């Protein structure tokens, strides 16, 4: 196996596991054992490995570092029972916008890789693009509702947020499995 293919496979593996850490929360007391910053560090590793193939991914490096730093600080605060969100709403809005853009572009580039390397008829590129769109829309709705309805959520709003969260998580899981499938298809073509 050549270095380029090895980088591609390990980059896709890092990306898939990165999304696992971002979307699963397993906590003991106040400590999250699957911290989001670990997911962003895995995505950063994926960017480093995949950017030779998709140069646009290199542009996401700084944003990924920013999101990892913010998530790490929030995780550390959470270990002491605190939460960074809500103390400075404009910063929350900026972090949310950065996260939305990051995931939109990352999954767009992953879909471009899938288009190039997927087996004929696999449709992984379309699946990743659909997941990207669903994730961004659902996360935007959730962020807007939390920002503007904070403290006033009840009844149908709570059900709508729960449904949006479920749909977004299902799309993220589908994207994660799509990344695993793309990696598997590369391994089987060696």
C-alpha atoms as a PDB file:
ATOM      1  CA  UNK A   1       0.000   0.000   0.000  1.00  0.00           C
ATOM      2  CA  UNK A   2       1.400   3.410  -0.904  1.00  0.00           C
ATOM      3  CA  UNK A   3       1.656   6.342   1.496  1.00  0.00           C
ATOM      4  CA  UNK A   4      -1.117   8.304  -0.227  1.00  0.00           C
ATOM      5  CA  UNK A   5      -3.619   5.463   0.141  1.00  0.00           C
ATOM      6  CA  UNK A   6      -2.514   4.861   3.740  1.00  0.00           C
ATOM      7  CA  UNK A   7      -3.062   8.571   4.542  1.00  0.00           C
ATOM      8  CA  UNK A   8      -6.472   8.441   2.912  1.00  0.00           C
ATOM      9  CA  UNK A   9      -7.548   5.364   4.869  1.00  0.00           C
ATOM     10  CA  UNK A  10      -6.242   6.582   8.217  1.00  0.00           C
ATOM     11  CA  UNK A  11      -7.697  10.058   7.589  1.00  0.00           C
ATOM     12  CA  UNK A  12     -11.149   8.622   6.927  1.00  0.00           C
ATOM     13  CA  UNK A  13     -10.852   6.445  10.033  1.00  0.00           C
ATOM     14  CA  UNK A  14      -9.922   9.483  12.147  1.00  0.00           C
ATOM     15  CA  UNK A  15     -12.841  11.446  10.678  1.00  0.00           C
ATOM     16  CA  UNK A  16     -15.359   8.690  11.402  1.00  0.00           C
ATOM     17  CA  UNK A  17     -14.168   8.277  14.998  1.00  0.00           C
ATOM     18  CA  UNK A  18     -14.073  12.061  15.375  1.00  0.00           C
ATOM     19  CA  UNK A  19     -17.789  12.222  14.627  1.00  0.00           C
ATOM     20  CA  UNK A  20     -18.342   9.424  17.145  1.00  0.00           C
ATOM     21  CA  UNK A  21     -16.764  11.546  19.883  1.00  0.00           C
ATOM     22  CA  UNK A  22     -18.737  14.606  18.808  1.00  0.00           C
ATOM     23  CA  UNK A  23     -22.138  12.947  18.891  1.00  0.00           C
ATOM     24  CA  UNK A  24     -21.919  10.517  21.806  1.00  0.00           C
ATOM     25  CA  UNK A  25     -21.870  11.611  25.411  1.00  0.00           C
ATOM     26  CA  UNK A  26     -20.980   9.165  28.146  1.00  0.00           C
ATOM     27  CA  UNK A  27     -20.511  10.876  31.487  1.00  0.00           C
ATOM     28  CA  UNK A  28     -19.609   9.719  34.951  1.00  0.00           C
ATOM     29  CA  UNK A  29     -20.634  12.334  37.474  1.00  0.00           C
ATOM     30  CA  UNK A  30     -19.634  15.631  35.783  1.00  0.00           C
ATOM     31  CA  UNK A  31     -16.846  14.157  33.639  1.00  0.00           C
ATOM     32  CA  UNK A  32     -17.591  13.314  30.012  1.00  0.00           C
ATOM     33  CA  UNK A  33     -15.581  10.221  29.100  1.00  0.00           C
ATOM     34  CA  UNK A  34     -16.032  10.900  25.380  1.00  0.00           C
ATOM     35  CA  UNK A  35     -15.039  14.571  25.249  1.00  0.00           C
ATOM     36  CA  UNK A  36     -15.889  16.624  22.179  1.00  0.00           C
ATOM     37  CA  UNK A  37     -12.379  18.059  22.040  1.00  0.00           C
ATOM     38  CA  UNK A  38     -11.084  14.526  21.357  1.00  0.00           C
ATOM     39  CA  UNK A  39     -13.449  14.407  18.376  1.00  0.00           C
ATOM     40  CA  UNK A  40     -12.053  17.672  17.061  1.00  0.00           C
ATOM     41  CA  UNK A  41      -8.492  16.459  17.581  1.00  0.00           C
ATOM     42  CA  UNK A  42      -9.346  13.351  15.550  1.00  0.00           C
ATOM     43  CA  UNK A  43     -10.865  15.579  12.855  1.00  0.00           C
ATOM     44  CA  UNK A  44      -7.696  17.677  12.934  1.00  0.00           C
ATOM     45  CA  UNK A  45      -5.675  14.523  12.368  1.00  0.00           C
ATOM     46  CA  UNK A  46      -8.024  13.632   9.506  1.00  0.00           C
ATOM     47  CA  UNK A  47      -7.495  17.067   7.976  1.00  0.00           C
ATOM     48  CA  UNK A  48      -3.730  16.618   8.138  1.00  0.00           C
ATOM     49  CA  UNK A  49      -3.969  13.221   6.427  1.00  0.00           C
ATOM     50  CA  UNK A  50      -6.597  14.093   3.826  1.00  0.00           C
ATOM     51  CA  UNK A  51      -5.455  17.576   2.834  1.00  0.00           C
ATOM     52  CA  UNK A  52      -2.979  16.209   0.291  1.00  0.00           C
ATOM     53  CA  UNK A  53      -5.936  14.764  -1.569  1.00  0.00           C
ATOM     54  CA  UNK A  54      -8.331  17.668  -0.864  1.00  0.00           C
ATOM     55  CA  UNK A  55      -6.353  20.855  -0.412  1.00  0.00           C
ATOM     56  CA  UNK A  56      -9.479  22.757   0.683  1.00  0.00           C
ATOM     57  CA  UNK A  57      -9.480  20.729   3.888  1.00  0.00           C
ATOM     58  CA  UNK A  58      -6.274  22.482   4.936  1.00  0.00           C
ATOM     59  CA  UNK A  59      -8.264  25.714   5.174  1.00  0.00           C
ATOM     60  CA  UNK A  60     -10.342  24.150   7.963  1.00  0.00           C
ATOM     61  CA  UNK A  61      -7.304  23.483  10.147  1.00  0.00           C
ATOM     62  CA  UNK A  62      -7.500  26.750  12.130  1.00  0.00           C
ATOM     63  CA  UNK A  63     -11.254  26.407  12.661  1.00  0.00           C
ATOM     64  CA  UNK A  64     -10.778  22.860  13.915  1.00  0.00           C
ATOM     65  CA  UNK A  65      -8.100  24.016  16.368  1.00  0.00           C
ATOM     66  CA  UNK A  66     -10.453  26.769  17.571  1.00  0.00           C
ATOM     67  CA  UNK A  67     -13.307  24.301  18.068  1.00  0.00           C
ATOM     68  CA  UNK A  68     -10.993  21.822  19.842  1.00  0.00           C
ATOM     69  CA  UNK A  69      -9.746  24.558  22.167  1.00  0.00           C
ATOM     70  CA  UNK A  70     -13.244  25.776  22.981  1.00  0.00           C
ATOM     71  CA  UNK A  71     -14.498  22.214  23.524  1.00  0.00           C
ATOM     72  CA  UNK A  72     -11.487  21.430  25.695  1.00  0.00           C
ATOM     73  CA  UNK A  73     -12.063  24.501  27.842  1.00  0.00           C
ATOM     74  CA  UNK A  74     -15.758  23.634  28.156  1.00  0.00           C
ATOM     75  CA  UNK A  75     -14.881  20.027  29.093  1.00  0.00           C
ATOM     76  CA  UNK A  76     -12.452  21.252  31.743  1.00  0.00           C
ATOM     77  CA  UNK A  77     -15.064  23.645  33.126  1.00  0.00           C
ATOM     78  CA  UNK A  78     -17.563  20.777  33.118  1.00  0.00           C
ATOM     79  CA  UNK A  79     -15.222  18.713  35.299  1.00  0.00           C
ATOM     80  CA  UNK A  80     -15.770  21.372  37.963  1.00  0.00           C
ATOM     81  CA  UNK A  81     -19.522  21.604  37.410  1.00  0.00           C
ATOM     82  CA  UNK A  82     -19.427  24.759  35.271  1.00  0.00           C
ATOM     83  CA  UNK A  83     -20.492  25.465  31.689  1.00  0.00           C
ATOM     84  CA  UNK A  84     -18.908  28.001  29.342  1.00  0.00           C
ATOM     85  CA  UNK A  85     -22.023  28.490  27.244  1.00  0.00           C
ATOM     86  CA  UNK A  86     -24.196  31.434  28.157  1.00  0.00           C
ATOM     87  CA  UNK A  87     -21.601  33.630  29.860  1.00  0.00           C
ATOM     88  CA  UNK A  88     -20.911  35.697  26.763  1.00  0.00           C
ATOM     89  CA  UNK A  89     -23.666  35.160  24.154  1.00  0.00           C
ATOM     90  CA  UNK A  90     -21.824  36.801  21.214  1.00  0.00           C
ATOM     91  CA  UNK A  91     -18.969  34.308  21.653  1.00  0.00           C
ATOM     92  CA  UNK A  92     -21.477  31.448  21.777  1.00  0.00           C
ATOM     93  CA  UNK A  93     -22.922  32.682  18.486  1.00  0.00           C
ATOM     94  CA  UNK A  94     -19.462  32.872  16.874  1.00  0.00           C
ATOM     95  CA  UNK A  95     -18.520  29.362  18.053  1.00  0.00           C
ATOM     96  CA  UNK A  96     -21.841  28.015  16.778  1.00  0.00           C
ATOM     97  CA  UNK A  97     -21.355  29.663  13.372  1.00  0.00           C
ATOM     98  CA  UNK A  98     -17.776  28.367  13.139  1.00  0.00           C
ATOM     99  CA  UNK A  99     -18.972  24.861  14.000  1.00  0.00           C
ATOM    100  CA  UNK A 100     -21.748  24.967  11.401  1.00  0.00           C
ATOM    101  CA  UNK A 101     -19.390  26.149   8.680  1.00  0.00           C
ATOM    102  CA  UNK A 102     -16.689  23.662   9.681  1.00  0.00           C
ATOM    103  CA  UNK A 103     -18.994  20.635   9.483  1.00  0.00           C
ATOM    104  CA  UNK A 104     -20.641  21.838   6.287  1.00  0.00           C
ATOM    105  CA  UNK A 105     -17.287  22.182   4.543  1.00  0.00           C
ATOM    106  CA  UNK A 106     -15.713  19.067   6.064  1.00  0.00           C
ATOM    107  CA  UNK A 107     -18.580  16.833   4.938  1.00  0.00           C
ATOM    108  CA  UNK A 108     -18.614  18.539   1.538  1.00  0.00           C
ATOM    109  CA  UNK A 109     -14.951  17.627   1.080  1.00  0.00           C
ATOM    110  CA  UNK A 110     -15.583  14.110   2.393  1.00  0.00           C
ATOM    111  CA  UNK A 111     -18.326  13.744  -0.228  1.00  0.00           C
ATOM    112  CA  UNK A 112     -15.885  14.872  -2.928  1.00  0.00           C
ATOM    113  CA  UNK A 113     -13.477  12.162  -1.767  1.00  0.00           C
ATOM    114  CA  UNK A 114     -16.312   9.637  -1.847  1.00  0.00           C
ATOM    115  CA  UNK A 115     -17.216  10.690  -5.385  1.00  0.00           C
ATOM    116  CA  UNK A 116     -13.649   9.962  -6.460  1.00  0.00           C
ATOM    117  CA  UNK A 117     -13.011   6.739  -4.544  1.00  0.00           C
ATOM    118  CA  UNK A 118     -16.341   5.018  -3.926  1.00  0.00           C
ATOM    119  CA  UNK A 119     -17.220   1.820  -5.757  1.00  0.00           C
ATOM    120  CA  UNK A 120     -19.537   2.278  -8.745  1.00  0.00           C
ATOM    121  CA  UNK A 121     -23.133   2.790  -7.674  1.00  0.00           C
ATOM    122  CA  UNK A 122     -22.329   3.074  -3.949  1.00  0.00           C
ATOM    123  CA  UNK A 123     -23.847   6.551  -3.593  1.00  0.00           C
ATOM    124  CA  UNK A 124     -21.664   7.448  -0.611  1.00  0.00           C
ATOM    125  CA  UNK A 125     -21.098  10.939  -1.990  1.00  0.00           C
ATOM    126  CA  UNK A 126     -24.846  11.683  -2.140  1.00  0.00           C
ATOM    127  CA  UNK A 127     -25.353  10.184   1.318  1.00  0.00           C
ATOM    128  CA  UNK A 128     -22.631  12.384   2.798  1.00  0.00           C
ATOM    129  CA  UNK A 129     -24.032  15.478   1.096  1.00  0.00           C
ATOM    130  CA  UNK A 130     -27.538  14.726   2.361  1.00  0.00           C
ATOM    131  CA  UNK A 131     -26.216  14.125   5.875  1.00  0.00           C
ATOM    132  CA  UNK A 132     -24.256  17.370   5.703  1.00  0.00           C
ATOM    133  CA  UNK A 133     -27.360  19.341   4.826  1.00  0.00           C
ATOM    134  CA  UNK A 134     -29.554  17.685   7.442  1.00  0.00           C
ATOM    135  CA  UNK A 135     -26.906  18.158  10.162  1.00  0.00           C
ATOM    136  CA  UNK A 136     -26.415  21.831   9.364  1.00  0.00           C
ATOM    137  CA  UNK A 137     -30.143  22.596   9.181  1.00  0.00           C
ATOM    138  CA  UNK A 138     -30.999  20.712  12.376  1.00  0.00           C
ATOM    139  CA  UNK A 139     -28.049  22.208  14.291  1.00  0.00           C
ATOM    140  CA  UNK A 140     -29.025  25.687  13.085  1.00  0.00           C
ATOM    141  CA  UNK A 141     -32.619  25.225  14.250  1.00  0.00           C
ATOM    142  CA  UNK A 142     -31.409  23.921  17.619  1.00  0.00           C
ATOM    143  CA  UNK A 143     -28.961  26.815  18.062  1.00  0.00           C
ATOM    144  CA  UNK A 144     -31.604  29.407  17.148  1.00  0.00           C
ATOM    145  CA  UNK A 145     -34.167  27.886  19.478  1.00  0.00           C
ATOM    146  CA  UNK A 146     -31.710  27.714  22.345  1.00  0.00           C
ATOM    147  CA  UNK A 147     -30.614  31.301  21.764  1.00  0.00           C
ATOM    148  CA  UNK A 148     -34.015  32.901  21.369  1.00  0.00           C
ATOM    149  CA  UNK A 149     -36.254  30.633  23.423  1.00  0.00           C
ATOM    150  CA  UNK A 150     -33.878  29.975  26.325  1.00  0.00           C
ATOM    151  CA  UNK A 151     -35.971  29.584  29.438  1.00  0.00           C
ATOM    152  CA  UNK A 152     -39.231  29.609  27.479  1.00  0.00           C
ATOM    153  CA  UNK A 153     -39.087  26.122  26.001  1.00  0.00           C
ATOM    154  CA  UNK A 154     -41.983  23.914  26.925  1.00  0.00           C
ATOM    155  CA  UNK A 155     -44.696  21.822  25.351  1.00  0.00           C
ATOM    156  CA  UNK A 156     -44.453  21.621  21.586  1.00  0.00           C
ATOM    157  CA  UNK A 157     -41.134  23.556  21.487  1.00  0.00           C
ATOM    158  CA  UNK A 158     -39.456  20.891  23.602  1.00  0.00           C
ATOM    159  CA  UNK A 159     -40.824  18.159  21.356  1.00  0.00           C
ATOM    160  CA  UNK A 160     -39.705  20.035  18.249  1.00  0.00           C
ATOM    161  CA  UNK A 161     -36.186  20.464  19.677  1.00  0.00           C
ATOM    162  CA  UNK A 162     -36.053  16.793  20.621  1.00  0.00           C
ATOM    163  CA  UNK A 163     -37.149  15.797  17.116  1.00  0.00           C
ATOM    164  CA  UNK A 164     -34.559  18.134  15.566  1.00  0.00           C
ATOM    165  CA  UNK A 165     -31.871  16.694  17.818  1.00  0.00           C
ATOM    166  CA  UNK A 166     -32.841  13.144  16.899  1.00  0.00           C
ATOM    167  CA  UNK A 167     -32.844  13.912  13.168  1.00  0.00           C
ATOM    168  CA  UNK A 168     -29.459  15.659  13.405  1.00  0.00           C
ATOM    169  CA  UNK A 169     -27.940  12.807  15.366  1.00  0.00           C
ATOM    170  CA  UNK A 170     -29.296  10.231  12.910  1.00  0.00           C
ATOM    171  CA  UNK A 171     -27.766  12.196  10.029  1.00  0.00           C
ATOM    172  CA  UNK A 172     -24.420  12.494  11.848  1.00  0.00           C
ATOM    173  CA  UNK A 173     -24.397   8.757  12.532  1.00  0.00           C
ATOM    174  CA  UNK A 174     -25.194   8.083   8.890  1.00  0.00           C
ATOM    175  CA  UNK A 175     -22.281  10.345   7.893  1.00  0.00           C
ATOM    176  CA  UNK A 176     -20.012   8.528  10.352  1.00  0.00           C
ATOM    177  CA  UNK A 177     -20.974   5.142   8.884  1.00  0.00           C
ATOM    178  CA  UNK A 178     -20.539   6.593   5.395  1.00  0.00           C
ATOM    179  CA  UNK A 179     -16.958   7.527   6.269  1.00  0.00           C
ATOM    180  CA  UNK A 180     -16.353   4.022   7.643  1.00  0.00           C
ATOM    181  CA  UNK A 181     -17.837   2.552   4.436  1.00  0.00           C
ATOM    182  CA  UNK A 182     -15.636   4.706   2.234  1.00  0.00           C
ATOM    183  CA  UNK A 183     -12.565   3.594   4.176  1.00  0.00           C
ATOM    184  CA  UNK A 184     -13.672  -0.030   3.908  1.00  0.00           C
ATOM    185  CA  UNK A 185     -14.106   0.293   0.138  1.00  0.00           C
ATOM    186  CA  UNK A 186     -10.543   1.644  -0.112  1.00  0.00           C
ATOM    187  CA  UNK A 187      -9.190  -1.274   1.908  1.00  0.00           C
ATOM    188  CA  UNK A 188     -11.002  -3.804  -0.271  1.00  0.00           C
ATOM    189  CA  UNK A 189      -9.570  -2.301  -3.498  1.00  0.00           C
ATOM    190  CA  UNK A 190      -5.946  -2.760  -2.437  1.00  0.00           C
END
